[in-house]
Protein backbone atom coordinates (compact mmCIF):
# COMPACT_ATOMS: atom_id res chain seq x y z
CA MET A 1 88.70 100.06 130.97
CA ILE A 2 92.37 99.45 130.26
CA ARG A 3 92.81 95.81 129.39
CA GLN A 4 96.44 95.48 128.38
CA SER A 5 99.41 96.60 130.42
CA ARG A 6 101.08 97.68 127.19
CA LEU A 7 98.88 100.78 127.33
CA TYR A 8 101.09 102.00 130.14
CA ARG A 9 104.39 101.04 128.52
CA GLY A 10 106.15 104.38 128.53
CA VAL A 11 102.61 105.80 128.82
CA LEU A 12 102.49 105.71 125.07
CA ALA A 13 98.76 105.98 125.04
CA GLY A 14 96.94 109.08 126.05
CA PHE A 15 97.39 111.31 123.07
CA LEU A 16 94.75 113.49 121.45
CA GLY A 17 96.90 114.44 118.54
CA ALA A 18 98.63 113.41 115.26
CA ILE A 19 98.72 110.60 112.85
CA CYS A 20 99.13 110.39 111.93
CA GLY A 21 97.47 111.73 108.98
CA ALA A 22 93.96 110.59 109.57
CA ALA A 23 94.63 107.50 111.54
CA PHE A 24 95.92 105.64 108.53
CA THR A 25 92.47 105.80 106.95
CA ALA A 26 92.54 105.70 103.18
CA ASP A 27 90.76 109.06 102.75
CA SER A 28 90.02 111.32 105.69
CA THR A 29 87.63 113.42 103.63
CA THR A 30 85.12 110.59 103.14
CA PRO A 31 82.27 110.85 105.66
CA ALA A 32 81.44 107.76 107.66
CA ALA A 33 77.98 106.25 107.76
CA PRO A 34 75.86 107.30 110.76
CA GLU A 35 75.96 104.99 113.75
CA ASN A 36 72.48 103.69 112.98
CA SER A 37 73.22 103.18 109.29
CA ALA A 38 72.01 100.04 107.53
CA ALA A 39 75.39 99.67 105.82
CA SER A 40 76.89 96.19 105.69
CA PRO A 41 78.39 95.14 109.04
CA ALA A 42 82.12 95.38 109.51
CA SER A 43 84.25 92.29 110.01
CA THR A 44 85.84 91.80 113.41
CA PHE A 45 89.52 90.98 113.78
CA THR A 46 91.96 90.35 116.60
CA PRO A 47 95.70 90.74 115.93
CA PRO A 48 98.12 87.99 116.98
CA ALA A 49 99.36 87.96 120.55
CA GLU A 50 102.74 89.53 121.18
CA SER A 51 103.90 86.20 122.60
CA SER A 52 103.48 84.65 119.14
CA MET A 53 105.96 87.02 117.52
CA PRO A 54 108.42 84.88 115.52
CA MET A 55 112.00 84.59 116.74
CA ASP A 56 113.71 84.27 113.34
CA ASP A 57 115.19 86.98 111.09
CA PHE A 58 111.70 88.01 109.99
CA GLY A 59 110.63 88.23 113.63
CA ARG A 60 113.55 90.51 114.41
CA SER A 61 112.26 92.94 111.80
CA VAL A 62 108.78 92.69 113.32
CA LYS A 63 110.24 93.44 116.75
CA LEU A 64 112.21 96.39 115.40
CA GLY A 65 109.03 97.77 113.88
CA GLU A 66 107.27 97.49 117.22
CA GLN A 67 110.14 99.29 118.93
CA ILE A 68 110.10 102.07 116.34
CA PHE A 69 106.35 102.36 116.74
CA THR A 70 106.38 102.63 120.52
CA ARG A 71 109.75 104.39 121.02
CA THR A 72 109.99 106.45 117.86
CA GLN A 73 112.29 109.07 119.38
CA GLU A 74 114.84 106.41 120.28
CA PHE A 75 114.69 104.22 117.17
CA ALA A 76 113.84 106.70 114.39
CA GLY A 77 114.80 110.04 115.86
CA LYS A 78 116.46 111.35 112.71
CA TYR A 79 113.06 111.40 111.01
CA VAL A 80 111.17 113.03 113.91
CA GLY A 81 110.83 116.76 114.54
CA ASN A 82 108.76 116.78 117.73
CA SER A 83 108.42 114.81 120.97
CA LEU A 84 105.80 112.30 119.81
CA ASN A 85 105.81 108.55 119.23
CA CYS A 86 103.65 106.67 116.72
CA ALA A 87 101.81 104.93 119.54
CA ASN A 88 100.55 108.23 120.93
CA CYS A 89 97.82 108.24 118.27
CA HIS A 90 97.78 104.51 117.49
CA MET A 91 97.33 103.21 121.00
CA ASP A 92 98.37 99.92 122.58
CA ALA A 93 101.29 99.64 120.15
CA GLY A 94 98.93 99.90 117.19
CA ARG A 95 96.55 97.21 118.44
CA LYS A 96 93.64 99.09 120.02
CA PRO A 97 90.42 99.29 117.95
CA ASN A 98 89.11 102.82 117.31
CA ALA A 99 92.57 104.21 118.02
CA GLY A 100 94.07 103.94 114.55
CA PRO A 101 94.95 100.22 114.74
CA LEU A 102 97.85 99.30 112.50
CA TRP A 103 96.33 95.96 111.48
CA ALA A 104 93.31 97.68 109.93
CA ALA A 105 95.46 100.20 108.10
CA TYR A 106 97.73 97.62 106.50
CA VAL A 107 94.93 95.79 104.68
CA ALA A 108 93.37 99.07 103.48
CA TYR A 109 96.22 99.83 101.08
CA PRO A 110 96.94 100.45 98.23
CA ALA A 111 94.20 103.10 98.17
CA TYR A 112 93.38 106.28 96.32
CA ARG A 113 93.54 109.36 98.55
CA LYS A 114 92.06 112.70 97.64
CA ARG A 115 94.62 114.32 99.93
CA ASN A 116 97.39 113.84 97.38
CA GLY A 117 95.43 112.78 94.31
CA HIS A 118 96.88 109.34 93.59
CA VAL A 119 96.89 105.72 94.70
CA ASN A 120 99.08 105.45 97.79
CA SER A 121 101.03 102.44 98.96
CA PHE A 122 101.14 101.66 102.66
CA ALA A 123 104.76 102.83 102.73
CA GLU A 124 103.74 106.21 101.32
CA ARG A 125 101.11 106.49 104.00
CA ILE A 126 103.72 105.96 106.72
CA GLN A 127 105.96 108.54 105.07
CA GLU A 128 103.17 111.11 105.45
CA CYS A 129 102.91 110.30 109.14
CA PHE A 130 106.54 111.26 109.65
CA LEU A 131 106.12 114.42 107.58
CA TYR A 132 102.96 115.69 109.28
CA SER A 133 102.22 113.99 112.57
CA MET A 134 105.85 113.70 113.60
CA ASN A 135 106.65 117.10 112.06
CA GLY A 136 109.77 115.51 110.61
CA LYS A 137 110.93 114.12 107.31
CA ALA A 138 109.84 111.03 105.42
CA PRO A 139 112.14 108.01 105.51
CA PRO A 140 113.02 107.11 101.90
CA LEU A 141 111.43 104.02 100.39
CA GLY A 142 113.47 100.99 101.35
CA ASP A 143 114.86 102.63 104.49
CA PRO A 144 115.22 100.12 107.36
CA VAL A 145 112.86 102.21 109.51
CA LEU A 146 110.14 102.12 106.88
CA VAL A 147 110.66 98.42 106.13
CA ALA A 148 110.48 97.51 109.82
CA LEU A 149 107.25 99.46 110.31
CA GLU A 150 105.72 97.79 107.26
CA THR A 151 106.81 94.40 108.57
CA TYR A 152 105.29 95.02 111.98
CA ALA A 153 102.00 96.14 110.41
CA TYR A 154 102.00 93.08 108.13
CA TRP A 155 102.45 90.78 111.10
CA LEU A 156 99.73 92.49 113.14
CA ALA A 157 97.35 92.08 110.18
CA LYS A 158 98.02 88.34 109.82
CA GLY A 159 94.72 86.74 108.87
CA ALA A 160 92.82 90.01 108.37
CA PRO A 161 90.65 90.17 105.23
CA VAL A 162 92.16 92.45 102.60
CA GLY A 163 90.10 95.36 101.32
CA GLU A 164 87.14 94.76 103.65
CA LYS A 165 85.69 97.09 106.24
CA LEU A 166 87.05 96.12 109.64
CA ALA A 167 85.37 97.04 112.90
CA GLY A 168 87.54 99.46 114.86
CA LYS A 169 89.42 100.81 111.85
CA GLY A 170 90.80 104.32 112.23
CA TYR A 171 88.89 106.56 114.62
CA PRO A 172 85.10 106.69 115.01
CA ARG A 173 83.24 109.32 113.01
CA LEU A 174 80.87 111.11 115.35
CA PRO A 175 77.57 112.52 114.14
CA ALA A 176 77.45 116.30 113.83
CA PRO A 177 77.11 117.92 117.25
CA ALA A 178 73.67 119.00 118.43
CA GLN A 179 75.11 122.46 119.10
CA LYS A 180 77.84 124.12 117.11
CA ALA A 181 81.19 123.09 118.56
CA ASP A 182 82.35 125.81 120.93
CA TYR A 183 85.86 126.97 121.92
CA THR A 184 84.84 128.28 125.34
CA ARG A 185 82.99 125.13 126.37
CA GLY A 186 85.93 123.12 125.04
CA SER A 187 88.40 125.09 127.15
CA GLN A 188 86.37 124.31 130.26
CA ILE A 189 86.23 120.59 129.44
CA TYR A 190 89.96 120.60 128.75
CA ALA A 191 90.69 122.17 132.14
CA GLN A 192 88.47 119.65 133.92
CA ARG A 193 89.26 116.43 132.05
CA CYS A 194 92.51 116.81 130.06
CA ALA A 195 94.89 119.24 131.77
CA LEU A 196 95.85 116.82 134.54
CA CYS A 197 97.83 114.76 132.02
CA HIS A 198 98.49 117.17 129.16
CA ALA A 199 99.04 120.29 131.32
CA ALA A 200 97.09 123.52 131.34
CA ASP A 201 99.28 124.90 128.55
CA GLY A 202 98.86 121.76 126.41
CA GLN A 203 102.56 120.92 126.50
CA GLY A 204 102.18 117.54 128.17
CA GLN A 205 104.58 116.04 130.67
CA SER A 206 107.98 114.41 130.39
CA SER A 207 110.31 112.54 132.71
CA PRO A 208 113.64 112.62 132.47
CA GLY A 209 113.81 113.71 128.86
CA LYS A 210 111.16 111.23 127.68
CA THR A 211 107.59 112.13 126.88
CA VAL A 212 105.07 110.73 129.36
CA PHE A 213 101.95 112.58 128.23
CA PRO A 214 102.48 114.21 124.85
CA PRO A 215 101.91 117.85 123.92
CA LEU A 216 98.68 118.64 122.09
CA TRP A 217 99.82 121.91 120.54
CA GLY A 218 102.92 124.05 120.29
CA ALA A 219 106.34 123.40 118.81
CA GLN A 220 106.61 119.79 120.02
CA SER A 221 103.22 118.63 118.74
CA PHE A 222 101.91 117.59 115.32
CA ASN A 223 101.90 120.20 112.57
CA TRP A 224 98.99 121.74 110.68
CA GLY A 225 99.14 119.09 107.96
CA ALA A 226 98.38 116.20 110.35
CA GLY A 227 95.01 114.49 110.39
CA MET A 228 94.50 115.35 114.05
CA GLY A 229 94.44 118.97 112.97
CA GLU A 230 90.99 118.21 111.55
CA ILE A 231 88.39 118.63 114.28
CA GLN A 232 86.28 115.61 113.31
CA ASN A 233 89.30 113.29 113.58
CA ALA A 234 90.29 114.65 116.98
CA ALA A 235 86.69 114.46 118.22
CA GLY A 236 86.37 110.80 117.22
CA PHE A 237 89.67 109.90 118.88
CA ILE A 238 88.78 111.77 122.06
CA LYS A 239 85.34 110.18 122.33
CA ALA A 240 86.71 106.64 121.93
CA ASN A 241 89.92 106.92 123.91
CA MET A 242 89.97 109.82 126.36
CA PRO A 243 90.37 110.51 129.23
CA LEU A 244 92.82 107.66 129.55
CA GLY A 245 91.10 104.79 131.36
CA LEU A 246 87.75 106.60 131.26
CA GLU A 247 87.15 106.49 127.52
CA GLY A 248 83.55 106.89 126.45
CA THR A 249 82.60 109.05 129.42
CA LEU A 250 82.54 112.29 127.42
CA THR A 251 79.43 113.02 125.41
CA ASP A 252 79.66 113.53 121.65
CA GLN A 253 79.10 117.25 122.21
CA GLN A 254 81.92 117.43 124.75
CA ALA A 255 84.26 115.59 122.37
CA TRP A 256 83.47 118.06 119.59
CA ASP A 257 83.93 121.04 121.92
CA VAL A 258 87.27 119.98 123.38
CA ALA A 259 88.56 118.97 119.93
CA THR A 260 87.67 122.46 118.70
CA PHE A 261 89.58 124.01 121.58
CA ILE A 262 92.67 121.86 121.00
CA ASP A 263 92.68 122.39 117.24
CA SER A 264 92.32 126.16 117.74
CA GLN A 265 95.83 126.40 119.20
CA GLU A 266 98.98 127.26 117.29
CA ARG A 267 101.28 124.47 116.14
CA PRO A 268 104.09 123.93 113.60
CA GLN A 269 103.49 125.11 110.06
CA ASP A 270 102.05 122.86 107.37
CA PRO A 271 105.03 121.65 105.26
CA ARG A 272 103.01 122.54 102.16
CA PHE A 273 102.91 126.22 103.21
CA SER A 274 103.01 128.41 100.12
CA GLY A 275 104.15 131.61 101.78
CA SER A 276 100.56 132.72 102.29
CA VAL A 277 98.29 131.46 105.05
CA GLU A 278 95.24 132.37 103.00
CA ALA A 279 96.46 130.49 99.91
CA THR A 280 97.53 127.47 101.96
CA ARG A 281 94.13 127.31 103.61
CA ALA A 282 92.36 127.60 100.27
CA THR A 283 94.42 124.76 98.81
CA TYR A 284 94.74 122.33 101.72
CA HIS A 285 92.43 123.38 104.56
CA ASP A 286 89.23 124.55 102.92
CA SER A 287 87.04 122.71 105.39
CA GLN A 288 84.74 123.64 108.25
CA ASN A 289 86.74 121.14 110.33
CA SER A 290 90.06 122.96 109.95
CA MET A 291 90.97 125.99 112.02
CA TYR A 292 94.08 126.76 109.95
CA GLY A 293 93.86 130.28 108.57
CA ARG A 294 91.07 131.33 110.93
CA THR A 295 91.42 134.03 113.54
CA VAL A 296 91.04 132.92 117.18
CA ASN A 297 91.47 135.34 120.07
CA GLY A 298 92.95 137.89 117.69
CA HIS A 299 95.54 135.52 116.22
CA LEU A 300 95.55 134.20 112.66
CA LEU A 301 96.26 130.50 113.07
CA GLY A 302 99.13 129.34 110.88
CA SER A 303 100.77 132.77 110.84
CA PRO A 304 104.23 133.38 112.29
């Protein structure tokens, strides 16, 4: 059930797409332990209440970061190339567990990421979100937008243990589906459970000029380099957070199927595109969870 009214603020929640990278996780290619794994238990954490946000100069930077996070178009539009806001993937202004919470991401960095082959700072991770999930351009290091977002994340993570596994980090990793994920079944689930908010054509809804429910594919959605373009990431997000207000009501199989349908639609090109869809897939999308470079309904995904 929805517990905080902030979930409705601008209807920032309700997105099945982008983060942003892979929900700020350190390495989206690392498989998660099964749900019944005997791995060490994760620590629980609750971020500070919004009412405790400081009112000094530091607090003003925290507040700016929150505004950028929830109203990215308005406060960081020059770095955004689609109609999304950060909080579309990182719900409840980056607070909600299992929806890419910002507090869990902050204490996970610096971290080595196979995606780009080096140790990334938290600022670098945010830069990738703008490049891929927002289909825009990365704010330079030291830019006020980047500093404010870092400050907001730092404040949300106040008291969180550094470098430890936190319950609710990123998006859940679902076990492999009992049946192979299926486009047709996914299209039926989408029509029944998702289209009311995100529209039959996946382009979402807006009012007057502001995104209410964000697009899940097409020119105004995340590009092929975003973490939500990986089916397992989208499936985990959908299972934990969708439909809005009814999260957890889809089965694992349904989450896999509808994620496959959504990620089998065309979207903006991967910024790392080499001029060849085949070569770009081989270098960056050589995974059973990526539809980039595969042919669906006669169309080669990622092609013009």
